[in-house]
């Protein structure tokens, strides 16, 4: 899953969770705020990875992909959430 897809999934999960509790005009604010809080906690838990090269060779191509268990991936997810 790309960082953008993960960001959209997280926000979508919060929209579903807040459904019926918040008025629709508050969804964007609280869903983004909640998703960012979750990602910040994951980033904090991955702080020991900051010196680790968390890219993986993607096999038959010249591209590296980020491993979703590592720090850089979650930093990209946060950027995508903020861009939404």
N, C-alpha and C. Protein backbone atom coordinates (compact mmCIF):
# COMPACT_ATOMS: atom_id res chain seq x y z
N UNK A 1 0.85 -1.18 0.00
CA UNK A 1 0.00 0.00 0.00
C UNK A 1 0.89 1.24 0.00
N UNK A 2 0.59 2.14 -0.88
CA UNK A 2 1.39 3.37 -0.95
C UNK A 2 1.08 4.26 0.25
N UNK A 3 1.97 5.20 0.58
CA UNK A 3 1.66 6.14 1.67
C UNK A 3 0.36 6.90 1.43
N UNK A 4 0.09 7.28 0.19
CA UNK A 4 -1.15 8.00 -0.11
C UNK A 4 -2.37 7.11 0.15
N UNK A 5 -2.31 5.87 -0.27
CA UNK A 5 -3.42 4.94 -0.03
C UNK A 5 -3.63 4.73 1.46
N UNK A 6 -2.53 4.62 2.21
CA UNK A 6 -2.64 4.43 3.66
C UNK A 6 -3.26 5.66 4.32
N UNK A 7 -2.85 6.85 3.88
CA UNK A 7 -3.41 8.09 4.42
C UNK A 7 -4.92 8.14 4.17
N UNK A 8 -5.33 7.82 2.96
CA UNK A 8 -6.76 7.81 2.62
C UNK A 8 -7.51 6.76 3.43
N UNK A 9 -6.90 5.60 3.63
CA UNK A 9 -7.53 4.55 4.43
C UNK A 9 -7.72 5.00 5.88
N UNK A 10 -6.69 5.59 6.46
CA UNK A 10 -6.80 6.05 7.85
C UNK A 10 -7.90 7.10 8.01
N UNK A 11 -7.91 8.07 7.12
CA UNK A 11 -8.94 9.11 7.21
C UNK A 11 -10.31 8.49 6.99
N UNK A 12 -10.42 7.57 6.05
CA UNK A 12 -11.69 6.88 5.81
C UNK A 12 -12.17 6.11 7.03
N UNK A 13 -11.24 5.49 7.75
CA UNK A 13 -11.61 4.76 8.96
C UNK A 13 -12.15 5.71 10.03
N UNK A 14 -11.54 6.88 10.14
CA UNK A 14 -12.04 7.85 11.12
C UNK A 14 -13.39 8.43 10.69
N UNK A 15 -13.59 8.62 9.41
CA UNK A 15 -14.90 9.08 8.94
C UNK A 15 -15.97 8.07 9.34
N UNK A 16 -15.67 6.79 9.14
CA UNK A 16 -16.62 5.73 9.51
C UNK A 16 -16.84 5.70 11.02
N UNK A 17 -15.78 5.89 11.78
CA UNK A 17 -15.88 5.85 13.23
C UNK A 17 -16.68 7.03 13.78
N UNK A 18 -16.46 8.21 13.21
CA UNK A 18 -17.14 9.40 13.69
C UNK A 18 -18.54 9.56 13.11
N UNK A 19 -18.91 8.70 12.18
CA UNK A 19 -20.22 8.80 11.54
C UNK A 19 -21.34 8.83 12.57
N UNK A 20 -22.19 9.80 12.47
CA UNK A 20 -23.30 9.94 13.40
C UNK A 20 -22.96 10.70 14.66
N UNK A 21 -21.69 10.88 14.93
CA UNK A 21 -21.28 11.59 16.13
C UNK A 21 -21.01 13.07 15.82
N UNK A 22 -20.35 13.31 14.70
CA UNK A 22 -19.99 14.67 14.31
C UNK A 22 -20.83 15.11 13.12
N UNK A 23 -21.05 16.39 13.03
CA UNK A 23 -21.70 16.91 11.83
C UNK A 23 -20.70 16.82 10.68
N UNK A 24 -21.20 16.70 9.47
CA UNK A 24 -20.33 16.46 8.32
C UNK A 24 -19.32 17.58 8.09
N UNK A 25 -19.61 18.80 8.54
CA UNK A 25 -18.65 19.88 8.33
C UNK A 25 -17.43 19.75 9.24
N UNK A 26 -17.52 18.92 10.29
CA UNK A 26 -16.38 18.70 11.17
C UNK A 26 -15.54 17.49 10.77
N UNK A 27 -16.04 16.65 9.87
CA UNK A 27 -15.30 15.46 9.46
C UNK A 27 -13.87 15.75 9.03
N UNK A 28 -13.68 16.64 8.06
CA UNK A 28 -12.31 16.84 7.58
C UNK A 28 -11.32 17.20 8.70
N UNK A 29 -11.71 18.10 9.56
CA UNK A 29 -10.82 18.54 10.62
C UNK A 29 -10.50 17.41 11.60
N UNK A 30 -11.51 16.79 12.17
CA UNK A 30 -11.27 15.77 13.19
C UNK A 30 -10.71 14.47 12.64
N UNK A 31 -11.08 14.12 11.44
CA UNK A 31 -10.55 12.88 10.85
C UNK A 31 -9.06 13.04 10.53
N UNK A 32 -8.67 14.18 9.97
CA UNK A 32 -7.25 14.43 9.72
C UNK A 32 -6.47 14.51 11.03
N UNK A 33 -7.04 15.21 12.00
CA UNK A 33 -6.37 15.36 13.29
C UNK A 33 -6.16 13.99 13.96
N UNK A 34 -7.16 13.15 13.90
CA UNK A 34 -7.06 11.82 14.49
C UNK A 34 -6.06 10.94 13.75
N UNK A 35 -6.09 10.98 12.43
CA UNK A 35 -5.15 10.19 11.63
C UNK A 35 -3.71 10.64 11.89
N UNK A 36 -3.50 11.94 11.99
CA UNK A 36 -2.15 12.45 12.27
C UNK A 36 -1.68 12.00 13.64
N UNK A 37 -2.56 11.99 14.62
CA UNK A 37 -2.20 11.53 15.97
C UNK A 37 -1.75 10.07 15.94
N UNK A 38 -2.48 9.25 15.21
CA UNK A 38 -2.12 7.83 15.10
C UNK A 38 -0.74 7.69 14.44
N UNK A 39 -0.54 8.39 13.34
CA UNK A 39 0.73 8.30 12.62
C UNK A 39 1.87 8.85 13.47
N UNK A 40 1.64 9.92 14.20
CA UNK A 40 2.67 10.46 15.09
C UNK A 40 3.10 9.42 16.13
N UNK A 41 2.14 8.67 16.64
CA UNK A 41 2.46 7.62 17.62
C UNK A 41 3.29 6.51 16.97
N UNK A 42 2.96 6.15 15.75
CA UNK A 42 3.74 5.13 15.04
C UNK A 42 5.15 5.65 14.77
N UNK A 43 5.25 6.89 14.32
CA UNK A 43 6.57 7.48 14.07
C UNK A 43 7.41 7.49 15.35
N UNK A 44 6.80 7.85 16.46
CA UNK A 44 7.51 7.84 17.74
C UNK A 44 8.00 6.43 18.08
N UNK A 45 7.19 5.44 17.80
CA UNK A 45 7.58 4.06 18.10
C UNK A 45 8.69 3.56 17.17
N UNK A 46 8.84 4.19 16.01
CA UNK A 46 9.84 3.78 15.03
C UNK A 46 11.09 4.65 15.08
N UNK A 47 11.21 5.50 16.08
CA UNK A 47 12.33 6.46 16.13
C UNK A 47 13.69 5.77 16.08
N UNK A 48 13.79 4.55 16.55
CA UNK A 48 15.06 3.82 16.50
C UNK A 48 15.45 3.44 15.08
N UNK A 49 14.51 3.54 14.14
CA UNK A 49 14.80 3.22 12.75
C UNK A 49 15.43 4.38 11.99
N UNK A 50 15.61 5.51 12.63
CA UNK A 50 16.03 6.72 11.91
C UNK A 50 17.38 6.54 11.21
N UNK A 51 18.24 5.68 11.68
CA UNK A 51 19.53 5.45 11.04
C UNK A 51 19.51 4.23 10.12
N UNK A 52 18.36 3.61 9.99
CA UNK A 52 18.23 2.39 9.21
C UNK A 52 17.72 2.71 7.81
N UNK A 53 18.34 2.13 6.80
CA UNK A 53 17.87 2.31 5.43
C UNK A 53 16.64 1.43 5.24
N UNK A 54 15.48 2.04 5.26
CA UNK A 54 14.25 1.26 5.24
C UNK A 54 13.64 1.13 3.85
N UNK A 55 14.48 1.12 2.85
CA UNK A 55 13.99 0.86 1.50
C UNK A 55 14.32 -0.59 1.15
N UNK A 56 13.47 -1.16 0.36
CA UNK A 56 13.67 -2.55 -0.06
C UNK A 56 13.82 -2.58 -1.57
N UNK A 57 14.68 -3.43 -2.03
CA UNK A 57 14.81 -3.63 -3.46
C UNK A 57 13.54 -4.31 -3.93
N UNK A 58 12.92 -3.78 -4.96
CA UNK A 58 11.62 -4.29 -5.37
C UNK A 58 11.71 -5.37 -6.45
N UNK A 59 12.80 -6.08 -6.47
CA UNK A 59 12.91 -7.21 -7.36
C UNK A 59 13.37 -6.87 -8.76
N UNK A 60 12.48 -7.02 -9.72
CA UNK A 60 12.85 -6.90 -11.11
C UNK A 60 12.92 -5.49 -11.65
N UNK A 61 12.88 -4.49 -10.82
CA UNK A 61 12.93 -3.12 -11.34
C UNK A 61 14.08 -2.36 -10.70
N UNK A 62 14.26 -1.14 -11.13
CA UNK A 62 15.32 -0.30 -10.58
C UNK A 62 14.82 0.56 -9.43
N UNK A 63 13.66 0.26 -8.93
CA UNK A 63 13.06 1.10 -7.90
C UNK A 63 13.20 0.47 -6.52
N UNK A 64 13.29 1.34 -5.56
CA UNK A 64 13.21 0.92 -4.17
C UNK A 64 11.82 1.25 -3.66
N UNK A 65 11.33 0.44 -2.77
CA UNK A 65 10.03 0.72 -2.16
C UNK A 65 10.22 0.82 -0.65
N UNK A 66 9.37 1.62 -0.04
CA UNK A 66 9.45 1.77 1.41
C UNK A 66 8.72 0.61 2.08
N UNK A 67 9.31 0.10 3.12
CA UNK A 67 8.69 -0.95 3.90
C UNK A 67 7.69 -0.30 4.85
N UNK A 68 6.42 -0.75 4.85
CA UNK A 68 5.41 -0.10 5.71
C UNK A 68 5.64 -0.26 7.20
N UNK A 69 6.64 -1.02 7.58
CA UNK A 69 6.92 -1.16 9.00
C UNK A 69 7.97 -0.16 9.50
N UNK A 70 8.50 0.67 8.61
CA UNK A 70 9.61 1.52 9.00
C UNK A 70 9.27 2.99 8.99
N UNK A 71 10.18 3.77 9.53
CA UNK A 71 9.99 5.19 9.79
C UNK A 71 9.67 6.02 8.54
N UNK A 72 10.43 5.88 7.48
CA UNK A 72 10.24 6.73 6.30
C UNK A 72 8.85 6.56 5.71
N UNK A 73 8.35 5.35 5.72
CA UNK A 73 7.00 5.10 5.20
C UNK A 73 5.98 5.94 5.95
N UNK A 74 6.06 5.91 7.28
CA UNK A 74 5.07 6.63 8.09
C UNK A 74 5.25 8.14 8.00
N UNK A 75 6.48 8.60 7.79
CA UNK A 75 6.68 10.02 7.56
C UNK A 75 6.00 10.45 6.26
N UNK A 76 6.07 9.60 5.26
CA UNK A 76 5.38 9.89 3.97
C UNK A 76 3.87 9.85 4.14
N UNK A 77 3.38 8.91 4.95
CA UNK A 77 1.93 8.84 5.21
C UNK A 77 1.47 10.15 5.85
N UNK A 78 2.24 10.65 6.81
CA UNK A 78 1.87 11.91 7.46
C UNK A 78 1.84 13.05 6.45
N UNK A 79 2.82 13.13 5.56
CA UNK A 79 2.82 14.16 4.53
C UNK A 79 1.55 14.08 3.67
N UNK A 80 1.15 12.86 3.33
CA UNK A 80 -0.04 12.68 2.50
C UNK A 80 -1.30 13.09 3.25
N UNK A 81 -1.38 12.79 4.53
CA UNK A 81 -2.54 13.21 5.33
C UNK A 81 -2.62 14.73 5.35
N UNK A 82 -1.51 15.38 5.58
CA UNK A 82 -1.50 16.83 5.63
C UNK A 82 -1.87 17.44 4.29
N UNK A 83 -1.60 16.74 3.20
CA UNK A 83 -1.90 17.26 1.86
C UNK A 83 -3.36 17.08 1.48
N UNK A 84 -4.06 16.22 2.18
CA UNK A 84 -5.48 15.95 1.86
C UNK A 84 -6.34 17.10 2.36
